[in-house]
N, C-alpha and C. Protein backbone atom coordinates (compact mmCIF):
# COMPACT_ATOMS: atom_id res chain seq x y z
N MET A 1 18.72 -86.53 -20.12
CA MET A 1 17.34 -85.94 -20.31
C MET A 1 16.35 -86.46 -19.28
N PRO A 2 16.27 -87.76 -19.07
CA PRO A 2 15.30 -88.37 -18.09
C PRO A 2 15.64 -87.75 -16.71
N ARG A 3 16.89 -87.55 -16.41
CA ARG A 3 17.21 -86.95 -15.17
C ARG A 3 16.72 -85.59 -14.93
N ARG A 4 16.76 -84.69 -16.06
CA ARG A 4 16.28 -83.42 -15.97
C ARG A 4 14.68 -83.39 -15.84
N SER A 5 14.01 -84.32 -16.55
CA SER A 5 12.59 -84.42 -16.42
C SER A 5 12.15 -84.77 -14.98
N SER A 6 12.85 -85.77 -14.41
CA SER A 6 12.58 -86.16 -13.06
C SER A 6 12.78 -84.99 -12.06
N SER A 7 13.84 -84.23 -12.28
CA SER A 7 14.10 -83.00 -11.43
C SER A 7 12.96 -81.98 -11.61
N ALA A 8 12.49 -81.78 -12.83
CA ALA A 8 11.45 -80.81 -13.05
C ALA A 8 10.14 -81.30 -12.44
N GLY A 9 9.87 -82.66 -12.47
CA GLY A 9 8.70 -83.17 -11.78
C GLY A 9 8.70 -82.92 -10.26
N ARG A 10 9.88 -83.18 -9.64
CA ARG A 10 10.01 -82.97 -8.27
C ARG A 10 9.86 -81.47 -7.92
N GLY A 11 10.41 -80.62 -8.78
CA GLY A 11 10.25 -79.17 -8.54
C GLY A 11 8.83 -78.72 -8.62
N ALA A 12 8.02 -79.26 -9.64
CA ALA A 12 6.64 -78.91 -9.76
C ALA A 12 5.81 -79.43 -8.53
N GLY A 13 6.13 -80.64 -8.08
CA GLY A 13 5.47 -81.12 -6.84
C GLY A 13 5.75 -80.30 -5.60
N ARG A 14 6.97 -79.81 -5.50
CA ARG A 14 7.39 -78.94 -4.38
C ARG A 14 6.64 -77.64 -4.51
N ASP A 15 6.48 -77.18 -5.74
CA ASP A 15 5.75 -75.82 -5.90
C ASP A 15 4.28 -75.99 -5.46
N VAL A 16 3.67 -77.12 -5.82
CA VAL A 16 2.26 -77.38 -5.40
C VAL A 16 2.12 -77.38 -3.88
N VAL A 17 3.01 -78.13 -3.22
CA VAL A 17 2.95 -78.33 -1.77
C VAL A 17 3.11 -76.97 -1.11
N VAL A 18 4.14 -76.23 -1.53
CA VAL A 18 4.55 -74.95 -0.91
C VAL A 18 3.43 -73.89 -1.18
N GLY A 19 2.95 -73.79 -2.35
CA GLY A 19 1.97 -72.84 -2.78
C GLY A 19 0.70 -73.01 -2.02
N ILE A 20 0.08 -74.27 -2.12
CA ILE A 20 -1.15 -74.50 -1.39
C ILE A 20 -1.04 -74.43 0.05
N GLY A 21 0.05 -74.98 0.60
CA GLY A 21 0.28 -74.93 2.08
C GLY A 21 0.43 -73.48 2.54
N THR A 22 1.16 -72.69 1.86
CA THR A 22 1.28 -71.22 2.23
C THR A 22 -0.05 -70.54 2.30
N LEU A 23 -0.84 -70.75 1.27
CA LEU A 23 -2.16 -70.02 1.24
C LEU A 23 -3.10 -70.57 2.24
N LEU A 24 -3.07 -71.82 2.61
CA LEU A 24 -3.91 -72.30 3.67
C LEU A 24 -3.57 -71.79 5.01
N VAL A 25 -2.25 -71.78 5.29
CA VAL A 25 -1.85 -71.19 6.54
C VAL A 25 -2.20 -69.67 6.64
N LEU A 26 -1.98 -68.98 5.49
CA LEU A 26 -2.35 -67.53 5.47
C LEU A 26 -3.85 -67.40 5.64
N GLY A 27 -4.66 -68.20 5.08
CA GLY A 27 -6.09 -68.16 5.34
C GLY A 27 -6.49 -68.40 6.76
N LEU A 28 -5.82 -69.34 7.43
CA LEU A 28 -6.02 -69.50 8.84
C LEU A 28 -5.71 -68.30 9.69
N LEU A 29 -4.52 -67.65 9.45
CA LEU A 29 -4.08 -66.53 10.17
C LEU A 29 -5.05 -65.31 9.89
N CYS A 30 -5.50 -65.21 8.64
CA CYS A 30 -6.40 -64.06 8.39
C CYS A 30 -7.73 -64.30 9.08
N GLY A 31 -8.17 -65.58 9.19
CA GLY A 31 -9.41 -65.80 9.96
C GLY A 31 -9.31 -65.42 11.38
N VAL A 32 -8.16 -65.66 12.00
CA VAL A 32 -7.89 -65.25 13.39
C VAL A 32 -7.98 -63.73 13.51
N LEU A 33 -7.24 -63.06 12.53
CA LEU A 33 -7.26 -61.62 12.54
C LEU A 33 -8.65 -61.08 12.29
N TRP A 34 -9.47 -61.59 11.43
CA TRP A 34 -10.78 -61.18 11.13
C TRP A 34 -11.65 -61.27 12.40
N SER A 35 -11.51 -62.31 13.16
CA SER A 35 -12.31 -62.48 14.36
C SER A 35 -11.95 -61.47 15.42
N LEU A 36 -10.71 -60.96 15.33
CA LEU A 36 -10.25 -59.99 16.38
C LEU A 36 -10.70 -58.57 16.01
N VAL A 37 -10.74 -58.23 14.72
CA VAL A 37 -10.98 -56.80 14.37
C VAL A 37 -12.44 -56.54 14.01
N ALA A 38 -13.14 -57.64 13.61
CA ALA A 38 -14.55 -57.37 13.24
C ALA A 38 -15.50 -57.45 14.42
N SER A 39 -16.52 -56.58 14.50
CA SER A 39 -17.45 -56.61 15.56
C SER A 39 -18.84 -56.93 15.02
N PRO A 40 -19.30 -58.10 15.22
CA PRO A 40 -20.61 -58.47 14.65
C PRO A 40 -21.75 -57.68 15.16
N ALA A 41 -22.84 -57.58 14.44
CA ALA A 41 -24.00 -56.90 14.86
C ALA A 41 -24.62 -57.53 16.08
N GLU A 42 -25.40 -56.81 16.83
CA GLU A 42 -25.95 -57.40 18.14
C GLU A 42 -27.51 -57.30 17.98
N PHE A 43 -28.12 -58.39 18.50
CA PHE A 43 -29.56 -58.47 18.66
C PHE A 43 -29.85 -57.87 20.03
N THR A 44 -31.03 -57.26 20.21
CA THR A 44 -31.54 -56.82 21.53
C THR A 44 -32.72 -57.68 21.86
N ARG A 45 -32.66 -58.20 23.11
CA ARG A 45 -33.71 -58.99 23.62
C ARG A 45 -34.91 -58.19 23.95
N VAL A 46 -36.07 -58.49 23.37
CA VAL A 46 -37.32 -57.81 23.73
C VAL A 46 -38.31 -58.84 24.29
N SER A 47 -39.46 -58.41 24.75
CA SER A 47 -40.38 -59.28 25.45
C SER A 47 -40.90 -60.42 24.55
N ASN A 48 -41.01 -60.11 23.26
CA ASN A 48 -41.50 -61.15 22.41
C ASN A 48 -40.53 -61.72 21.39
N GLY A 49 -39.28 -61.56 21.73
CA GLY A 49 -38.22 -62.12 20.84
C GLY A 49 -37.01 -61.33 20.85
N ALA A 50 -36.53 -60.92 19.64
CA ALA A 50 -35.33 -60.12 19.50
C ALA A 50 -35.46 -59.16 18.33
N SER A 51 -34.71 -58.07 18.40
CA SER A 51 -34.82 -57.03 17.32
C SER A 51 -33.42 -56.60 17.01
N MET A 52 -33.23 -55.95 15.82
CA MET A 52 -31.91 -55.37 15.41
C MET A 52 -32.25 -54.14 14.62
N ASP A 53 -31.70 -52.94 15.13
CA ASP A 53 -31.94 -51.68 14.44
C ASP A 53 -31.01 -51.49 13.29
N GLU A 54 -31.21 -50.41 12.58
CA GLU A 54 -30.39 -50.11 11.36
C GLU A 54 -28.94 -49.95 11.67
N ASP A 55 -28.60 -49.32 12.84
CA ASP A 55 -27.17 -49.20 13.17
C ASP A 55 -26.51 -50.51 13.33
N GLN A 56 -27.21 -51.47 13.90
CA GLN A 56 -26.57 -52.78 13.97
C GLN A 56 -26.47 -53.54 12.68
N LEU A 57 -27.42 -53.30 11.78
CA LEU A 57 -27.34 -53.84 10.46
C LEU A 57 -26.15 -53.31 9.74
N SER A 58 -25.84 -52.03 9.91
CA SER A 58 -24.67 -51.44 9.28
C SER A 58 -23.31 -52.15 9.75
N ARG A 59 -23.31 -52.60 10.98
CA ARG A 59 -22.15 -53.30 11.50
C ARG A 59 -21.92 -54.64 10.75
N GLN A 60 -22.94 -55.21 10.28
CA GLN A 60 -22.77 -56.46 9.51
C GLN A 60 -21.99 -56.16 8.19
N PHE A 61 -22.34 -55.01 7.63
CA PHE A 61 -21.64 -54.62 6.37
C PHE A 61 -20.14 -54.31 6.70
N ALA A 62 -19.92 -53.81 7.91
CA ALA A 62 -18.51 -53.52 8.31
C ALA A 62 -17.75 -54.84 8.47
N VAL A 63 -18.43 -55.87 8.95
CA VAL A 63 -17.81 -57.18 9.10
C VAL A 63 -17.42 -57.78 7.75
N ASP A 64 -18.34 -57.58 6.79
CA ASP A 64 -17.99 -58.04 5.40
C ASP A 64 -16.83 -57.20 4.81
N GLY A 65 -16.85 -55.90 5.15
CA GLY A 65 -15.78 -55.00 4.67
C GLY A 65 -14.42 -55.42 5.19
N TRP A 66 -14.32 -55.78 6.43
CA TRP A 66 -13.13 -56.25 7.00
C TRP A 66 -12.64 -57.56 6.35
N TYR A 67 -13.59 -58.45 6.03
CA TYR A 67 -13.22 -59.70 5.40
C TYR A 67 -12.64 -59.36 4.01
N VAL A 68 -13.23 -58.45 3.26
CA VAL A 68 -12.71 -58.12 1.94
C VAL A 68 -11.38 -57.50 1.98
N VAL A 69 -11.17 -56.53 2.92
CA VAL A 69 -9.87 -55.83 3.02
C VAL A 69 -8.79 -56.76 3.38
N ILE A 70 -9.03 -57.59 4.45
CA ILE A 70 -7.98 -58.49 4.86
C ILE A 70 -7.66 -59.56 3.75
N GLY A 71 -8.71 -60.14 3.16
CA GLY A 71 -8.49 -61.14 2.15
C GLY A 71 -7.79 -60.65 0.93
N ALA A 72 -8.22 -59.42 0.48
CA ALA A 72 -7.61 -58.84 -0.75
C ALA A 72 -6.12 -58.55 -0.53
N LEU A 73 -5.80 -57.97 0.62
CA LEU A 73 -4.40 -57.60 0.91
C LEU A 73 -3.47 -58.88 1.09
N ALA A 74 -4.08 -59.87 1.79
CA ALA A 74 -3.38 -61.12 1.98
C ALA A 74 -3.16 -61.87 0.60
N GLY A 75 -4.26 -61.91 -0.22
CA GLY A 75 -4.14 -62.48 -1.50
C GLY A 75 -3.12 -61.80 -2.43
N LEU A 76 -3.09 -60.51 -2.32
CA LEU A 76 -2.14 -59.75 -3.18
C LEU A 76 -0.72 -60.11 -2.73
N GLY A 77 -0.48 -60.06 -1.42
CA GLY A 77 0.93 -60.40 -0.98
C GLY A 77 1.29 -61.74 -1.33
N ALA A 78 0.37 -62.72 -1.15
CA ALA A 78 0.65 -64.12 -1.41
C ALA A 78 0.97 -64.33 -2.93
N GLY A 79 0.13 -63.70 -3.76
CA GLY A 79 0.37 -63.79 -5.22
C GLY A 79 1.71 -63.28 -5.68
N LEU A 80 2.14 -62.10 -5.08
CA LEU A 80 3.42 -61.50 -5.36
C LEU A 80 4.50 -62.49 -4.91
N VAL A 81 4.49 -62.94 -3.69
CA VAL A 81 5.64 -63.79 -3.21
C VAL A 81 5.71 -65.11 -3.91
N LEU A 82 4.54 -65.81 -4.09
CA LEU A 82 4.59 -67.07 -4.76
C LEU A 82 5.07 -67.00 -6.17
N ALA A 83 4.65 -66.04 -6.97
CA ALA A 83 5.05 -65.89 -8.28
C ALA A 83 6.48 -65.42 -8.36
N TRP A 84 6.99 -64.68 -7.35
CA TRP A 84 8.41 -64.28 -7.29
C TRP A 84 9.34 -65.41 -7.03
N ARG A 85 8.84 -66.29 -6.08
CA ARG A 85 9.75 -67.39 -5.67
C ARG A 85 9.52 -68.68 -6.49
N ARG A 86 8.40 -68.85 -7.16
CA ARG A 86 8.00 -70.03 -7.86
C ARG A 86 7.58 -69.73 -9.33
N SER A 87 8.47 -69.18 -10.07
CA SER A 87 8.12 -68.67 -11.40
C SER A 87 8.66 -69.59 -12.51
N ARG A 88 9.08 -70.83 -12.19
CA ARG A 88 9.66 -71.68 -13.19
C ARG A 88 8.61 -72.08 -14.20
N ASP A 89 7.35 -72.19 -13.81
CA ASP A 89 6.22 -72.57 -14.69
C ASP A 89 5.11 -71.57 -14.49
N PRO A 90 4.95 -70.58 -15.35
CA PRO A 90 3.90 -69.56 -15.13
C PRO A 90 2.53 -70.13 -15.05
N LEU A 91 2.20 -71.10 -15.98
CA LEU A 91 0.85 -71.67 -15.95
C LEU A 91 0.60 -72.34 -14.68
N LEU A 92 1.52 -73.19 -14.15
CA LEU A 92 1.31 -73.89 -12.89
C LEU A 92 1.20 -72.82 -11.72
N THR A 93 1.96 -71.77 -11.82
CA THR A 93 1.94 -70.77 -10.77
C THR A 93 0.48 -70.14 -10.72
N MET A 94 -0.07 -69.82 -11.92
CA MET A 94 -1.40 -69.24 -11.93
C MET A 94 -2.48 -70.21 -11.36
N VAL A 95 -2.35 -71.46 -11.73
CA VAL A 95 -3.35 -72.46 -11.24
C VAL A 95 -3.20 -72.55 -9.69
N LEU A 96 -2.01 -72.60 -9.19
CA LEU A 96 -1.75 -72.66 -7.79
C LEU A 96 -2.34 -71.46 -7.06
N VAL A 97 -2.11 -70.30 -7.63
CA VAL A 97 -2.59 -69.06 -7.03
C VAL A 97 -4.15 -69.05 -6.93
N VAL A 98 -4.80 -69.47 -8.03
CA VAL A 98 -6.22 -69.44 -8.03
C VAL A 98 -6.81 -70.47 -7.05
N VAL A 99 -6.35 -71.78 -7.17
CA VAL A 99 -6.88 -72.83 -6.31
C VAL A 99 -6.60 -72.53 -4.84
N GLY A 100 -5.33 -72.20 -4.56
CA GLY A 100 -4.96 -71.92 -3.19
C GLY A 100 -5.63 -70.74 -2.56
N SER A 101 -5.87 -69.67 -3.32
CA SER A 101 -6.59 -68.47 -2.78
C SER A 101 -8.03 -68.73 -2.55
N VAL A 102 -8.69 -69.57 -3.34
CA VAL A 102 -10.08 -70.01 -3.17
C VAL A 102 -10.17 -70.77 -1.84
N LEU A 103 -9.27 -71.75 -1.64
CA LEU A 103 -9.31 -72.54 -0.45
C LEU A 103 -8.96 -71.56 0.79
N ALA A 104 -8.08 -70.64 0.62
CA ALA A 104 -7.75 -69.72 1.72
C ALA A 104 -8.94 -68.90 2.12
N ALA A 105 -9.74 -68.49 1.10
CA ALA A 105 -10.98 -67.69 1.43
C ALA A 105 -11.99 -68.44 2.30
N VAL A 106 -12.12 -69.80 1.93
CA VAL A 106 -13.00 -70.64 2.71
C VAL A 106 -12.50 -70.85 4.11
N VAL A 107 -11.16 -71.12 4.15
CA VAL A 107 -10.54 -71.35 5.48
C VAL A 107 -10.67 -70.12 6.46
N MET A 108 -10.50 -68.92 5.83
CA MET A 108 -10.61 -67.69 6.59
C MET A 108 -12.03 -67.53 7.14
N ALA A 109 -13.04 -67.83 6.30
CA ALA A 109 -14.44 -67.69 6.74
C ALA A 109 -14.76 -68.66 7.88
N LEU A 110 -14.26 -69.97 7.66
CA LEU A 110 -14.57 -70.98 8.66
C LEU A 110 -13.91 -70.66 10.06
N VAL A 111 -12.64 -70.24 10.03
CA VAL A 111 -11.89 -69.96 11.24
C VAL A 111 -12.54 -68.75 11.90
N GLY A 112 -12.84 -67.73 11.15
CA GLY A 112 -13.58 -66.59 11.81
C GLY A 112 -14.88 -67.01 12.41
N HIS A 113 -15.63 -67.83 11.78
CA HIS A 113 -16.96 -68.27 12.26
C HIS A 113 -16.73 -69.09 13.54
N LEU A 114 -15.77 -69.96 13.59
CA LEU A 114 -15.54 -70.77 14.78
C LEU A 114 -14.99 -69.96 15.98
N LEU A 115 -14.19 -68.92 15.67
CA LEU A 115 -13.62 -68.11 16.78
C LEU A 115 -14.55 -67.03 17.17
N GLY A 116 -15.57 -66.72 16.36
CA GLY A 116 -16.51 -65.58 16.69
C GLY A 116 -17.52 -66.06 17.78
N PRO A 117 -18.55 -65.20 17.98
CA PRO A 117 -19.58 -65.53 18.96
C PRO A 117 -20.36 -66.80 18.60
N GLY A 118 -20.93 -67.43 19.63
CA GLY A 118 -21.71 -68.58 19.40
C GLY A 118 -23.08 -68.38 18.84
N ASP A 119 -23.89 -69.41 18.80
CA ASP A 119 -25.26 -69.29 18.27
C ASP A 119 -26.09 -68.28 19.12
N PRO A 120 -26.60 -67.23 18.52
CA PRO A 120 -27.36 -66.25 19.32
C PRO A 120 -28.66 -66.76 19.74
N ARG A 121 -29.23 -67.76 19.15
CA ARG A 121 -30.61 -68.21 19.56
C ARG A 121 -30.63 -68.77 20.96
N SER A 122 -29.68 -69.55 21.34
CA SER A 122 -29.71 -70.07 22.72
C SER A 122 -29.36 -68.99 23.66
N ALA A 123 -28.43 -68.08 23.28
CA ALA A 123 -28.12 -66.99 24.20
C ALA A 123 -29.26 -66.03 24.34
N LEU A 124 -30.09 -65.83 23.41
CA LEU A 124 -31.27 -64.94 23.52
C LEU A 124 -32.38 -65.53 24.41
N ARG A 125 -32.47 -66.85 24.35
CA ARG A 125 -33.44 -67.49 25.14
C ARG A 125 -33.19 -67.33 26.62
N ALA A 126 -31.89 -67.30 26.96
CA ALA A 126 -31.42 -67.13 28.27
C ALA A 126 -31.22 -65.70 28.76
N ALA A 127 -31.28 -64.74 27.83
CA ALA A 127 -31.00 -63.41 28.12
C ALA A 127 -32.22 -62.71 28.68
N LYS A 128 -32.03 -61.67 29.43
CA LYS A 128 -33.05 -60.80 29.99
C LYS A 128 -33.48 -59.75 28.97
N VAL A 129 -34.71 -59.22 29.15
CA VAL A 129 -35.10 -58.13 28.21
C VAL A 129 -34.22 -56.97 28.29
N GLY A 130 -33.76 -56.47 27.12
CA GLY A 130 -32.78 -55.36 27.03
C GLY A 130 -31.44 -55.78 26.86
N ALA A 131 -31.12 -57.09 27.01
CA ALA A 131 -29.68 -57.52 26.86
C ALA A 131 -29.37 -57.60 25.37
N HIS A 132 -28.06 -57.44 25.13
CA HIS A 132 -27.52 -57.54 23.80
C HIS A 132 -26.79 -58.78 23.50
N VAL A 133 -27.03 -59.44 22.41
CA VAL A 133 -26.43 -60.73 22.09
C VAL A 133 -25.81 -60.61 20.66
N PRO A 134 -24.57 -60.80 20.49
CA PRO A 134 -23.91 -60.70 19.14
C PRO A 134 -24.35 -61.81 18.20
N GLN A 135 -24.38 -61.34 16.94
CA GLN A 135 -24.66 -62.26 15.86
C GLN A 135 -23.36 -63.10 15.59
N ARG A 136 -23.54 -64.22 14.93
CA ARG A 136 -22.40 -65.08 14.53
C ARG A 136 -21.54 -64.33 13.49
N LEU A 137 -20.24 -64.58 13.52
CA LEU A 137 -19.29 -63.98 12.61
C LEU A 137 -19.34 -64.75 11.29
N ASP A 138 -20.07 -64.20 10.34
CA ASP A 138 -20.27 -64.96 9.05
C ASP A 138 -20.08 -63.91 7.91
N VAL A 139 -19.80 -64.46 6.75
CA VAL A 139 -19.73 -63.67 5.49
C VAL A 139 -21.14 -63.49 4.92
N GLY A 140 -21.55 -62.23 4.76
CA GLY A 140 -22.86 -61.98 4.20
C GLY A 140 -24.00 -62.09 5.21
N LEU A 141 -25.19 -61.62 4.83
CA LEU A 141 -26.33 -61.58 5.73
C LEU A 141 -27.13 -62.87 5.67
N ARG A 142 -26.87 -63.74 4.71
CA ARG A 142 -27.71 -64.92 4.59
C ARG A 142 -27.16 -66.10 5.46
N PRO A 143 -28.06 -66.98 5.94
CA PRO A 143 -27.55 -68.18 6.57
C PRO A 143 -26.92 -69.09 5.51
N VAL A 144 -26.00 -69.93 5.96
CA VAL A 144 -25.30 -70.87 5.03
C VAL A 144 -26.31 -71.82 4.31
N ARG A 145 -27.31 -72.25 4.93
CA ARG A 145 -28.33 -73.17 4.41
C ARG A 145 -29.59 -72.34 4.14
N PRO A 146 -30.12 -72.52 2.92
CA PRO A 146 -29.68 -73.35 1.80
C PRO A 146 -28.37 -72.78 1.12
N PHE A 147 -27.53 -73.67 0.72
CA PHE A 147 -26.22 -73.24 0.20
C PHE A 147 -26.24 -72.46 -1.07
N GLY A 148 -27.18 -72.81 -1.98
CA GLY A 148 -27.24 -72.20 -3.30
C GLY A 148 -27.48 -70.67 -3.25
N PRO A 149 -28.57 -70.23 -2.53
CA PRO A 149 -28.75 -68.78 -2.37
C PRO A 149 -27.59 -68.09 -1.61
N TYR A 150 -27.02 -68.78 -0.63
CA TYR A 150 -25.98 -68.21 0.16
C TYR A 150 -24.79 -67.91 -0.78
N LEU A 151 -24.39 -68.90 -1.60
CA LEU A 151 -23.24 -68.79 -2.47
C LEU A 151 -23.54 -67.68 -3.48
N ARG A 152 -24.70 -67.62 -3.98
CA ARG A 152 -25.08 -66.55 -4.97
C ARG A 152 -24.87 -65.18 -4.43
N ASP A 153 -25.22 -65.05 -3.15
CA ASP A 153 -25.23 -63.62 -2.55
C ASP A 153 -23.88 -63.32 -1.94
N THR A 154 -23.00 -64.29 -1.69
CA THR A 154 -21.66 -63.98 -1.06
C THR A 154 -20.51 -64.25 -1.89
N ALA A 155 -20.67 -64.79 -3.18
CA ALA A 155 -19.59 -65.17 -3.98
C ALA A 155 -18.59 -63.98 -4.28
N ALA A 156 -19.29 -62.76 -4.42
CA ALA A 156 -18.46 -61.61 -4.71
C ALA A 156 -17.53 -61.25 -3.55
N LEU A 157 -17.89 -61.54 -2.33
CA LEU A 157 -17.02 -61.31 -1.20
C LEU A 157 -15.87 -62.31 -1.13
N TYR A 158 -16.16 -63.56 -1.45
CA TYR A 158 -15.07 -64.51 -1.43
C TYR A 158 -14.03 -64.28 -2.59
N LEU A 159 -14.47 -63.63 -3.64
CA LEU A 159 -13.54 -63.34 -4.76
C LEU A 159 -12.41 -62.36 -4.38
N CYS A 160 -12.49 -61.77 -3.28
CA CYS A 160 -11.40 -60.80 -2.92
C CYS A 160 -10.09 -61.53 -2.82
N TRP A 161 -10.10 -62.75 -2.38
CA TRP A 161 -8.82 -63.54 -2.33
C TRP A 161 -8.27 -63.90 -3.71
N PRO A 162 -9.02 -64.54 -4.57
CA PRO A 162 -8.38 -64.92 -5.91
C PRO A 162 -8.09 -63.67 -6.78
N VAL A 163 -8.89 -62.63 -6.63
CA VAL A 163 -8.67 -61.39 -7.38
C VAL A 163 -7.39 -60.76 -6.93
N GLY A 164 -7.16 -60.60 -5.61
CA GLY A 164 -5.94 -60.06 -5.11
C GLY A 164 -4.74 -60.90 -5.47
N ALA A 165 -4.92 -62.22 -5.31
CA ALA A 165 -3.76 -63.10 -5.56
C ALA A 165 -3.37 -63.06 -7.05
N LEU A 166 -4.35 -63.03 -7.94
CA LEU A 166 -4.03 -63.03 -9.39
C LEU A 166 -3.32 -61.65 -9.73
N ALA A 167 -3.82 -60.60 -9.15
CA ALA A 167 -3.14 -59.30 -9.41
C ALA A 167 -1.69 -59.30 -9.04
N GLY A 168 -1.38 -59.87 -7.87
CA GLY A 168 -0.05 -59.96 -7.38
C GLY A 168 0.81 -60.83 -8.31
N ALA A 169 0.23 -62.03 -8.70
CA ALA A 169 1.04 -62.94 -9.53
C ALA A 169 1.22 -62.38 -10.90
N LEU A 170 0.25 -61.72 -11.45
CA LEU A 170 0.39 -61.10 -12.78
C LEU A 170 1.45 -60.02 -12.80
N PHE A 171 1.55 -59.27 -11.75
CA PHE A 171 2.51 -58.19 -11.63
C PHE A 171 3.92 -58.75 -11.79
N VAL A 172 4.16 -59.94 -11.28
CA VAL A 172 5.47 -60.59 -11.45
C VAL A 172 5.58 -61.27 -12.75
N LEU A 173 4.62 -62.08 -13.13
CA LEU A 173 4.77 -62.89 -14.32
C LEU A 173 4.76 -62.10 -15.57
N LEU A 174 4.15 -60.97 -15.59
CA LEU A 174 4.12 -60.13 -16.85
C LEU A 174 5.37 -59.25 -17.00
N GLY A 175 6.27 -59.37 -15.99
CA GLY A 175 7.54 -58.67 -16.10
C GLY A 175 7.54 -57.28 -15.55
N TRP A 176 6.56 -56.96 -14.74
CA TRP A 176 6.57 -55.57 -14.20
C TRP A 176 7.49 -55.48 -12.93
N ALA A 177 7.77 -56.60 -12.33
CA ALA A 177 8.71 -56.68 -11.19
C ALA A 177 10.18 -56.85 -11.74
N PRO A 178 11.14 -56.39 -10.94
CA PRO A 178 12.55 -56.52 -11.41
C PRO A 178 12.90 -57.95 -11.58
N GLU A 179 13.80 -58.21 -12.49
CA GLU A 179 14.34 -59.51 -12.75
C GLU A 179 15.16 -60.05 -11.55
N ARG A 180 15.06 -61.35 -11.30
CA ARG A 180 15.88 -61.97 -10.30
C ARG A 180 16.90 -62.86 -10.82
N PRO A 181 17.98 -63.13 -10.12
CA PRO A 181 18.97 -64.07 -10.60
C PRO A 181 18.34 -65.47 -10.86
N GLU A 182 18.94 -66.26 -11.69
CA GLU A 182 18.40 -67.57 -11.97
C GLU A 182 18.37 -68.44 -10.74
N ARG A 183 19.32 -68.25 -9.81
CA ARG A 183 19.42 -69.09 -8.60
C ARG A 183 18.15 -68.79 -7.73
N ASP A 184 17.69 -67.54 -7.58
CA ASP A 184 16.52 -67.31 -6.76
C ASP A 184 15.27 -67.73 -7.48
N ARG A 185 15.19 -67.71 -8.80
CA ARG A 185 13.96 -68.03 -9.51
C ARG A 185 13.66 -69.52 -9.47
N ASP A 186 14.67 -70.26 -9.76
CA ASP A 186 14.53 -71.75 -9.87
C ASP A 186 14.97 -72.48 -8.61
N GLY A 187 15.69 -71.82 -7.69
CA GLY A 187 16.20 -72.56 -6.51
C GLY A 187 17.45 -73.38 -6.82
N GLU A 188 18.03 -73.17 -8.03
CA GLU A 188 19.24 -73.90 -8.39
C GLU A 188 20.25 -72.94 -8.97
N GLY A 189 21.44 -73.16 -8.73
CA GLY A 189 22.48 -72.27 -9.25
C GLY A 189 22.74 -72.53 -10.71
N PRO A 190 23.55 -71.72 -11.39
CA PRO A 190 23.86 -71.98 -12.75
C PRO A 190 24.75 -73.19 -12.92
N GLU A 191 24.78 -73.72 -14.13
CA GLU A 191 25.54 -74.88 -14.41
C GLU A 191 27.06 -74.60 -14.11
N PRO A 192 27.73 -75.62 -13.58
CA PRO A 192 29.18 -75.43 -13.32
C PRO A 192 29.92 -74.96 -14.51
N GLY A 193 30.67 -73.94 -14.34
CA GLY A 193 31.48 -73.44 -15.42
C GLY A 193 30.77 -72.49 -16.31
N ALA A 194 29.39 -72.26 -16.12
CA ALA A 194 28.67 -71.40 -17.05
C ALA A 194 29.09 -69.98 -16.77
N GLY A 195 29.25 -69.28 -17.84
CA GLY A 195 29.71 -67.86 -17.68
C GLY A 195 31.22 -67.74 -17.38
N HIS A 196 31.93 -68.84 -17.42
CA HIS A 196 33.36 -68.73 -17.14
C HIS A 196 34.10 -69.39 -18.32
N GLU A 197 35.28 -68.95 -18.51
CA GLU A 197 36.21 -69.52 -19.52
C GLU A 197 37.44 -70.03 -18.84
N SER A 198 37.73 -71.32 -19.16
CA SER A 198 38.94 -71.86 -18.55
C SER A 198 40.15 -71.31 -19.18
N PRO A 199 41.24 -71.29 -18.40
CA PRO A 199 42.49 -70.70 -19.07
C PRO A 199 42.87 -71.42 -20.32
N GLN A 200 42.52 -72.76 -20.48
CA GLN A 200 42.92 -73.45 -21.74
C GLN A 200 42.09 -72.97 -22.92
N SER A 201 40.82 -72.60 -22.71
CA SER A 201 40.00 -72.21 -23.72
C SER A 201 40.04 -70.74 -24.07
N ALA A 202 40.70 -69.97 -23.26
CA ALA A 202 40.71 -68.54 -23.51
C ALA A 202 41.57 -68.27 -24.72
N PRO A 203 41.05 -67.36 -25.63
CA PRO A 203 41.86 -67.08 -26.86
C PRO A 203 43.14 -66.37 -26.46
N ARG A 204 44.18 -66.80 -27.23
CA ARG A 204 45.55 -66.20 -27.02
C ARG A 204 45.67 -65.01 -27.90
N THR A 205 46.24 -64.00 -27.36
CA THR A 205 46.55 -62.80 -28.15
C THR A 205 47.98 -62.92 -28.71
N PRO A 206 48.06 -62.84 -30.03
CA PRO A 206 49.38 -63.01 -30.63
C PRO A 206 50.38 -61.93 -30.17
N ALA A 207 51.59 -62.39 -30.01
CA ALA A 207 52.57 -61.44 -29.52
C ALA A 207 52.91 -60.52 -30.60
N THR A 208 53.19 -59.24 -30.26
CA THR A 208 53.55 -58.25 -31.26
C THR A 208 55.01 -57.98 -31.12
N GLY A 209 55.63 -57.70 -32.23
CA GLY A 209 57.05 -57.49 -32.18
C GLY A 209 57.39 -56.18 -31.55
């Protein structure tokens, strides 16, 4: 019995490492993809500062749209795969999916921010009148500071990750996905001799005259 408990503890620890690590790497890759497909809005340098018309403002909403689409699809796929491969403990799987997907949402936003355009203020100071300078690649229209108002206005966008991941995990854990063999679900094969009868234990059929 202690041996089985120890094995279960190691399996749970492995699930935590694999689940969180997978989602963090996925968040990083999605941040790179977001920086490649999203086109931030641009400021136009004018004589007394900078301006942004309505067309450019609409591009910021497109940036947020790309974040939501990429995050939701990645979360959905991650939830499906993690629940499919790590379903020995449904409660632990759900916790991993929620925590890992929230971390992945933050990693995606940070990576996209770092890979996107630089600070437009310094670029605008050096730009000539009529030049276009891209905005930073960020989630939402608010600056990060102060953090409270920023989180209040952008939380719905970050939720695309955990909502998608939970949907994928629930699809598997509630039994809507096909059953898998025990070997695939738990990473271990059946007990030796399980499902087999030895020749000695097989019932004998009485001979008929």
